[in-house]
Structures are given as structure tokens and as C-alpha cells.
Protein backbone atom coordinates (compact mmCIF):
# COMPACT_ATOMS: atom_id res chain seq x y z
CA MET A 1 -102.81 9.44 71.23
CA THR A 2 -103.83 7.42 68.16
CA ALA A 3 -104.50 3.72 67.63
CA GLU A 4 -102.28 1.75 65.25
CA ALA A 5 -102.39 -1.96 64.46
CA GLY A 6 -99.46 -3.85 65.85
CA ALA A 7 -98.37 -1.11 68.29
CA ARG A 8 -97.45 -2.71 71.62
CA ARG A 9 -95.26 -2.19 74.70
CA VAL A 10 -93.91 -4.30 77.59
CA ARG A 11 -95.43 -2.93 80.83
CA LEU A 12 -93.74 -3.33 84.22
CA THR A 13 -96.87 -4.16 86.27
CA SER A 14 -95.19 -4.39 89.70
CA THR A 15 -91.89 -5.22 91.34
CA GLY A 16 -90.93 -8.85 91.28
CA GLY A 17 -89.53 -11.44 88.99
CA PRO A 18 -89.44 -11.30 85.17
CA GLU A 19 -93.07 -12.58 85.04
CA VAL A 20 -94.27 -9.06 86.03
CA LEU A 21 -93.41 -7.86 82.50
CA ARG A 22 -96.49 -7.96 80.38
CA VAL A 23 -96.85 -7.47 76.60
CA GLU A 24 -99.92 -5.40 75.71
CA PRO A 25 -101.31 -3.21 72.92
CA MET A 26 -100.54 0.48 73.12
CA PRO A 27 -101.92 3.73 71.66
CA VAL A 28 -99.28 5.57 69.73
CA PRO A 29 -98.34 8.70 71.68
CA VAL A 30 -98.17 12.16 70.12
CA PRO A 31 -94.90 14.06 70.77
CA GLY A 32 -95.21 17.15 72.94
CA PRO A 33 -93.05 20.24 72.77
CA GLY A 34 -89.38 19.35 72.58
CA GLN A 35 -90.10 15.69 72.02
CA ILE A 36 -89.79 13.29 69.08
CA LEU A 37 -91.67 10.04 68.35
CA ILE A 38 -89.36 7.15 67.32
CA THR A 39 -90.44 3.99 65.60
CA MET A 40 -88.32 1.47 67.38
CA GLU A 41 -85.78 -0.65 65.50
CA ALA A 42 -83.81 -1.74 68.56
CA ALA A 43 -84.17 -1.27 72.33
CA GLY A 44 -81.47 -2.15 74.84
CA VAL A 45 -81.92 -4.22 77.97
CA ALA A 46 -79.64 -3.04 80.75
CA PHE A 47 -78.86 -4.47 84.17
CA HIS A 48 -80.35 -1.27 85.57
CA ASP A 49 -83.71 -2.60 84.21
CA VAL A 50 -83.27 -5.68 86.28
CA THR A 51 -82.55 -3.80 89.54
CA THR A 52 -85.52 -1.45 88.76
CA ARG A 53 -87.86 -4.42 88.27
CA GLN A 54 -86.65 -5.88 91.56
CA GLY A 55 -87.44 -2.63 93.35
CA LEU A 56 -83.84 -1.81 94.18
CA THR A 57 -83.34 1.37 92.03
CA PRO A 58 -84.01 4.70 93.56
CA GLY A 59 -86.91 6.71 92.17
CA ALA A 60 -90.34 5.97 90.87
CA ARG A 61 -91.03 2.72 89.07
CA PRO A 62 -91.50 3.33 85.33
CA GLU A 63 -94.41 1.90 83.54
CA VAL A 64 -92.31 0.91 80.64
CA GLN A 65 -88.60 0.15 80.86
CA GLY A 66 -85.85 0.55 78.31
CA PHE A 67 -82.97 2.92 78.71
CA ASP A 68 -81.75 3.29 75.08
CA VAL A 69 -83.45 2.99 71.66
CA VAL A 70 -82.57 3.19 67.94
CA GLY A 71 -85.17 3.92 65.25
CA HIS A 72 -86.58 6.43 62.86
CA VAL A 73 -88.29 9.67 63.65
CA ALA A 74 -92.01 9.31 63.00
CA ARG A 75 -93.09 12.79 64.16
CA VAL A 76 -91.57 15.78 65.89
CA GLY A 77 -93.13 17.98 68.53
CA ALA A 78 -93.34 21.73 68.64
CA GLY A 79 -90.00 23.55 68.76
CA VAL A 80 -87.96 20.64 67.48
CA THR A 81 -85.86 21.76 64.59
CA GLU A 82 -82.83 19.47 64.73
CA PHE A 83 -84.65 16.34 63.62
CA ALA A 84 -87.10 15.52 60.87
CA ALA A 85 -89.47 12.64 60.04
CA GLY A 86 -87.72 9.71 58.52
CA GLN A 87 -84.31 10.42 60.16
CA ARG A 88 -82.49 7.66 61.95
CA VAL A 89 -81.64 8.47 65.50
CA GLY A 90 -80.49 6.90 68.80
CA ALA A 91 -81.86 8.17 72.09
CA LEU A 92 -80.86 7.74 75.72
CA ILE A 93 -84.37 7.97 77.23
CA GLY A 94 -83.92 6.32 80.70
CA HIS A 95 -87.23 4.51 80.40
CA GLY A 96 -89.93 3.74 77.71
CA GLY A 97 -87.80 1.79 75.20
CA TYR A 98 -89.66 -1.59 75.43
CA ALA A 99 -92.29 -0.37 72.89
CA THR A 100 -92.79 -0.19 69.16
CA HIS A 101 -93.25 3.59 69.41
CA VAL A 102 -91.06 5.60 71.85
CA LEU A 103 -91.20 9.23 72.92
CA ALA A 104 -87.88 10.82 73.51
CA PRO A 105 -86.62 14.32 74.56
CA ALA A 106 -84.92 15.83 71.54
CA GLY A 107 -81.96 16.78 73.81
CA ARG A 108 -81.29 13.12 74.50
CA ALA A 109 -81.38 12.08 70.86
CA ALA A 110 -78.53 12.01 68.32
CA PRO A 111 -78.48 11.39 64.54
CA LEU A 112 -77.24 8.02 63.36
CA PRO A 113 -76.25 6.81 59.92
CA GLU A 114 -78.20 4.29 57.78
CA GLY A 115 -76.29 1.16 56.77
CA HIS A 116 -75.29 -0.25 60.18
CA PRO A 117 -77.44 -2.89 61.91
CA ALA A 118 -79.75 -1.22 64.47
CA GLU A 119 -78.78 -3.55 67.22
CA GLU A 120 -74.99 -2.62 66.88
CA LEU A 121 -75.91 1.04 66.92
CA ASP A 122 -78.10 0.53 69.97
CA ALA A 123 -75.07 -0.89 71.83
CA LEU A 124 -73.27 2.41 71.20
CA VAL A 125 -76.09 4.52 72.63
CA LEU A 126 -75.77 3.20 76.13
CA ASN A 127 -72.99 0.66 76.76
CA TYR A 128 -70.33 2.15 74.55
CA LEU A 129 -71.28 5.72 75.35
CA THR A 130 -71.06 4.98 79.03
CA ALA A 131 -67.72 3.29 78.57
CA TRP A 132 -66.48 6.19 76.41
CA GLN A 133 -67.42 8.84 78.86
CA MET A 134 -66.00 6.98 81.87
CA PHE A 135 -62.69 6.38 79.99
CA HIS A 136 -62.15 9.59 78.06
CA ARG A 137 -64.05 12.11 80.15
CA VAL A 138 -63.62 10.86 83.72
CA ALA A 139 -60.56 8.56 84.17
CA LYS A 140 -58.45 9.81 81.23
CA PRO A 141 -55.72 7.17 81.38
CA ALA A 142 -52.71 7.82 79.16
CA SER A 143 -51.34 5.45 76.56
CA GLY A 144 -49.15 2.81 78.18
CA GLN A 145 -50.97 2.88 81.52
CA ALA A 146 -53.09 0.07 82.82
CA VAL A 147 -56.67 -0.05 83.96
CA LEU A 148 -58.88 -2.70 85.68
CA VAL A 149 -62.31 -3.52 84.32
CA LEU A 150 -64.64 -5.47 86.57
CA GLY A 151 -67.14 -7.56 84.72
CA ALA A 152 -65.01 -7.41 81.60
CA ALA A 153 -67.19 -9.92 79.65
CA GLY A 154 -70.42 -7.84 80.08
CA GLY A 155 -71.81 -5.14 77.81
CA VAL A 156 -70.06 -2.10 79.28
CA GLY A 157 -67.09 -4.12 80.40
CA SER A 158 -66.29 -5.42 76.85
CA ALA A 159 -66.87 -1.92 75.47
CA LEU A 160 -64.38 -0.52 77.99
CA GLY A 161 -61.81 -3.14 76.90
CA GLN A 162 -62.14 -2.25 73.25
CA ILE A 163 -61.97 1.51 73.85
CA ALA A 164 -58.96 1.20 76.06
CA HIS A 165 -57.20 -1.05 73.55
CA ALA A 166 -57.88 1.59 70.79
CA ALA A 167 -56.27 4.25 73.10
CA GLY A 168 -53.14 2.11 73.76
CA VAL A 169 -54.14 1.34 77.37
CA ARG A 170 -53.50 -2.09 78.89
CA VAL A 171 -56.47 -3.84 80.45
CA TYR A 172 -56.84 -6.28 83.35
CA GLY A 173 -60.38 -7.72 83.28
CA THR A 174 -62.24 -9.84 85.76
CA SER A 175 -65.05 -12.36 85.02
CA SER A 176 -66.26 -15.80 86.07
CA PRO A 177 -63.75 -18.49 85.05
CA GLY A 178 -66.12 -19.63 82.34
CA ARG A 179 -65.88 -16.30 80.61
CA ARG A 180 -62.09 -16.02 80.84
CA ALA A 181 -61.56 -16.91 77.14
CA ARG A 182 -63.97 -14.06 76.13
CA VAL A 183 -62.04 -11.55 78.27
CA GLU A 184 -58.70 -12.66 76.77
CA ALA A 185 -60.09 -12.64 73.25
CA GLY A 186 -60.79 -8.97 73.78
CA GLY A 187 -57.12 -8.29 74.41
CA ALA A 188 -57.35 -8.05 78.19
CA THR A 189 -55.29 -9.91 80.76
CA TRP A 190 -57.78 -11.97 82.83
CA VAL A 191 -57.67 -11.89 86.58
CA PRO A 192 -60.17 -13.67 88.95
CA ASP A 193 -60.74 -10.53 91.10
CA ALA A 194 -59.38 -7.12 92.02
CA ALA A 195 -56.92 -8.59 94.54
CA ALA A 196 -55.13 -10.55 91.79
CA VAL A 197 -54.06 -7.63 89.73
CA PRO A 198 -50.25 -7.78 89.57
CA GLU A 199 -49.65 -4.03 89.60
CA PRO A 200 -51.57 -0.89 90.80
CA VAL A 201 -53.65 0.44 87.96
CA SER A 202 -54.39 4.01 87.01
CA ALA A 203 -58.26 3.51 86.93
CA THR A 204 -60.68 0.85 87.98
CA PHE A 205 -64.18 0.61 86.44
CA ASP A 206 -66.59 -0.89 88.95
CA PRO A 207 -70.20 -1.76 88.20
CA VAL A 208 -70.60 -3.83 91.42
CA GLY A 209 -70.60 -0.96 93.96
CA GLY A 210 -71.02 -1.23 97.72
CA PRO A 211 -68.41 -3.39 99.31
CA SER A 212 -66.62 -3.80 95.99
CA LEU A 213 -65.39 -0.27 96.05
CA ALA A 214 -62.99 -0.86 98.84
CA ARG A 215 -61.38 -3.69 96.97
CA SER A 216 -61.24 -1.65 93.79
CA ARG A 217 -59.47 1.17 95.62
CA LEU A 218 -56.82 -1.21 96.89
CA ALA A 219 -56.07 -2.31 93.27
CA THR A 220 -55.80 1.36 92.13
CA LYS A 221 -52.90 3.81 92.56
CA PRO A 222 -53.47 6.38 95.29
CA SER A 223 -53.34 9.08 92.57
CA GLY A 224 -55.85 7.07 90.43
CA VAL A 225 -59.57 6.91 90.27
CA VAL A 226 -62.34 4.28 90.81
CA VAL A 227 -65.27 4.95 88.52
CA SER A 228 -68.42 3.46 90.08
CA TYR A 229 -71.36 3.02 87.68
CA GLY A 230 -73.70 0.46 89.21
CA PHE A 231 -74.62 -1.60 92.27
CA SER A 232 -75.01 -5.20 91.02
CA PHE A 233 -73.89 -6.31 94.49
CA ALA A 234 -77.53 -5.91 95.64
CA THR A 235 -79.05 -8.22 93.01
CA GLY A 236 -79.98 -11.55 94.51
CA ALA A 237 -78.43 -10.67 97.88
CA GLY A 238 -81.67 -10.14 99.69
CA TYR A 239 -81.30 -6.46 100.32
CA SER A 240 -84.18 -4.10 100.40
CA ARG A 241 -83.96 -0.83 98.44
CA ILE A 242 -83.11 1.02 101.65
CA GLY A 243 -80.57 -1.58 102.68
CA ALA A 244 -78.86 -1.46 99.27
CA LEU A 245 -78.76 2.32 99.34
CA ALA A 246 -77.37 2.37 102.85
CA ARG A 247 -74.54 0.04 101.87
CA THR A 248 -73.85 2.18 98.83
CA ALA A 249 -73.76 5.36 100.86
CA GLY A 250 -71.54 3.83 103.52
CA ALA A 251 -69.03 2.65 100.97
CA LEU A 252 -68.84 6.03 99.31
CA LEU A 253 -68.47 7.81 102.70
CA ARG A 254 -65.58 5.46 103.61
CA ALA A 255 -63.88 6.26 100.40
CA LYS A 256 -64.04 9.92 101.14
CA LEU A 257 -62.71 9.51 104.69
CA THR A 258 -59.87 7.14 104.07
CA PRO A 259 -56.63 7.54 102.05
CA GLY A 260 -56.42 6.13 98.62
CA ALA A 261 -57.81 6.48 95.17
CA ARG A 262 -60.78 8.74 94.78
CA VAL A 263 -64.13 7.37 93.78
CA VAL A 264 -66.26 9.00 91.16
CA VAL A 265 -69.89 7.95 90.59
CA HIS A 266 -70.74 8.12 86.89
CA ALA A 267 -74.35 8.56 85.68
CA VAL A 268 -74.59 8.75 81.96
CA GLU A 269 -77.96 10.41 81.92
CA ARG A 270 -76.64 13.30 83.99
CA MET A 271 -73.71 13.93 81.64
CA VAL A 272 -75.96 13.78 78.56
CA ASP A 273 -78.41 16.31 80.10
CA LYS A 274 -75.51 18.60 81.12
CA ASP A 275 -73.89 18.54 77.69
CA PRO A 276 -76.25 17.37 74.79
CA ALA A 277 -73.69 18.56 72.16
CA GLY A 278 -70.94 16.56 73.86
CA PHE A 279 -73.23 13.53 73.88
CA ARG A 280 -73.77 13.77 70.11
CA ALA A 281 -70.07 14.36 69.57
CA ASP A 282 -69.21 11.23 71.60
CA LEU A 283 -71.73 9.11 69.74
CA ALA A 284 -70.47 10.37 66.35
CA GLY A 285 -66.92 9.38 67.54
CA LEU A 286 -68.18 5.91 68.44
CA VAL A 287 -69.80 5.55 65.00
CA GLU A 288 -66.48 6.47 63.41
CA GLN A 289 -64.70 3.81 65.41
CA LEU A 290 -67.34 1.32 64.48
CA ALA A 291 -66.95 2.10 60.82
CA ALA A 292 -63.24 1.80 61.16
CA GLY A 293 -63.43 -1.57 62.92
CA SER A 294 -61.78 -0.26 66.11
CA ILE A 295 -64.81 -1.40 68.11
CA LYS A 296 -67.19 -4.25 67.40
CA PRO A 297 -70.21 -4.69 69.68
CA GLU A 298 -71.27 -8.27 70.43
CA VAL A 299 -75.05 -8.21 70.48
CA VAL A 300 -77.65 -10.78 71.31
CA THR A 301 -81.20 -10.01 70.04
CA LEU A 302 -84.64 -11.16 71.21
CA PRO A 303 -88.04 -10.12 69.97
CA LEU A 304 -89.82 -7.44 72.05
CA ASP A 305 -92.44 -9.90 73.12
CA ARG A 306 -89.71 -11.92 74.94
CA ALA A 307 -88.60 -9.17 77.23
CA ALA A 308 -89.26 -11.38 80.32
CA GLU A 309 -86.83 -13.96 78.86
CA ALA A 310 -84.26 -11.19 78.25
CA HIS A 311 -84.48 -10.19 81.89
CA ARG A 312 -84.08 -13.82 83.08
CA ARG A 313 -80.98 -14.30 80.91
CA LEU A 314 -79.44 -11.04 82.04
CA GLU A 315 -80.23 -11.63 85.65
CA ASN A 316 -78.58 -15.10 85.47
CA ARG A 317 -75.45 -13.72 83.87
CA GLU A 318 -76.15 -15.75 80.65
CA VAL A 319 -75.55 -12.91 78.29
CA GLU A 320 -72.25 -11.88 76.75
CA GLY A 321 -72.19 -8.37 75.37
CA LYS A 322 -75.30 -6.31 74.75
CA LEU A 323 -78.89 -7.66 74.87
CA VAL A 324 -81.29 -5.89 72.50
CA LEU A 325 -84.96 -6.24 71.90
CA ILE A 326 -86.29 -5.90 68.25
CA PRO A 327 -89.80 -5.48 67.12
């Protein structure tokens, strides 16, 4: 590692509230074989980061959070031939993004064009990619069909609405009453909850998980699919990690054992690792839609040093669209 003035990161010191996030200087890492070093332009803040900070997410606690990042390649490690220093890229790294200098596996990086704001491109790397994969690769609704998007005012939810609209699919979207106008402005029909959908839908996209899956299945045609991609039900509910996982496992088991729409758990990292070329093709398709105006990310930016505030705002459901840290 090498020292560089101004290089810093936001370290997750322990589980707890946003105050456990600490800004500190960092040595600049050297990329190893198969890695690239990215000088960060934008790093996304995801709800997954909140549940990880709270100790609810399975797996080891990362030292530095940040699922997605956009920037320029500073150095490449041994064996990396698809990227060169100075190239703009987006990377789905899983952790490590809250830093001015970020290591990324080359297989989880994709080229990005100059000319677009970094924060908009970063919204594509996680939120829109997740939405695109769930819509086009998992659910695959046909033009003229209807889908239900839970949390339609959020980052992934609003992306789903735009992608569905571009594909000619009708959208019902849930949100708090205060966000109804935002959902409707995106072209969706607002409903207060899954029980209020006036017709069975072909697919439901559910970031809540746990007990929400049963309600989502009731709103979905028996031949349809519920795509589960989160477990926000556990946030602020007083569950331990084991308790939250037990409720999640129980809900998935009940879905398997009872008649109705099937449930598919979507993990964007798994799909990217399975098919890096598909990941790059999906991201290129999203960039094309961005350039054409078919999609338009709504992004809120905060400086890297205010990562704790970003967590508070996201945890309190105060953010509309994608929250991004910038250097």
C-alpha cells in the first residue's frame, strides 16, 4: 500500500447506529492479480448497508461498506487485460465503496462512457441493474401485462417502474401516502398496499421479505412470480439476526409448500458472478436507455464524509431515488 494525501475511507467500526461510521485516512491499496484500483467518483448507499450496519445481514461485517462505485481506473493488477488506466468504469463490489480509492475484481467491473454524471451512472450499477435483471431475466412480463412494485418510490422501485414502462408493462406501486405523487409521476397506479391491487398481477417485486411474501403472493397470479430481493421488514422491528433469518426462511418454506405464485430470491451479486459478460451487456443496455431518455435516475448526493448522515436519511425513509456519496 502507498500513502496519498487526501485518501480516506469510512470505516464501519462496529454494529450499531450511524455513529459507528468513522471517516479516517487510508493508505492507497495496490491491486492484486485480477483486480483493478478505481479512483472513486461516486459510491452508492444501499439499504443493504443499513441492515449490515445494524448486524442483520448474514456474513462477516465488512470494514468498509459500499456496494457499487463509479470512477476511473488508476491501476490494474496482474492478468487484467480488459481495462486500462484512465478508463471509466462501474463496479459492483459488494463492499469497499465508501472510499476515495477502491479495489474491485475485474470480473465485476464494466466500462462506462464519459459525458454522463457519475452519480447517474452509479444508480445504474446497482439499482437499475437489479431492477433490469429482475424484470428482464427473472419475471419476464409481456407487454400489456401488469406488475406490482412494493416501495415504488425508492431507488430500485422507481427503476422498476421506468423499466416496466419502457417495456409496455403496466405498474401498480405501493408507497407511503406522502410519496403517492412521486409514484404516480413515474407512470404507476398508486395503491396503499398489496391487498389493494384491483387485479392479479403477473409479477410482484418485493424488497420487504418475511411476512410480506405471503401478501405479495396473494396479489400475484398463481402462474406468476414474486421476486424477493430484500428483507427490510427486519429494520427497526427489534429482530436479532437469527430472528430475522428465521422469519425469512419460514416465509420461503411456506411459499414452497402452499399453492400460489412461486417465489424467487434474487441476488444481483450472484448473477453478476455467474455471467460477467451478461452483466456488462445489461449495463450497456441501461446506458443506451439513459442516453435515449427512456430512464432517468433521481439521485441525491452527499459528500463521502457525511456517510453517517446518508445512513440516517435512508434508514428514516427520507430519500427518494438513489443516494450517492461523492468525494
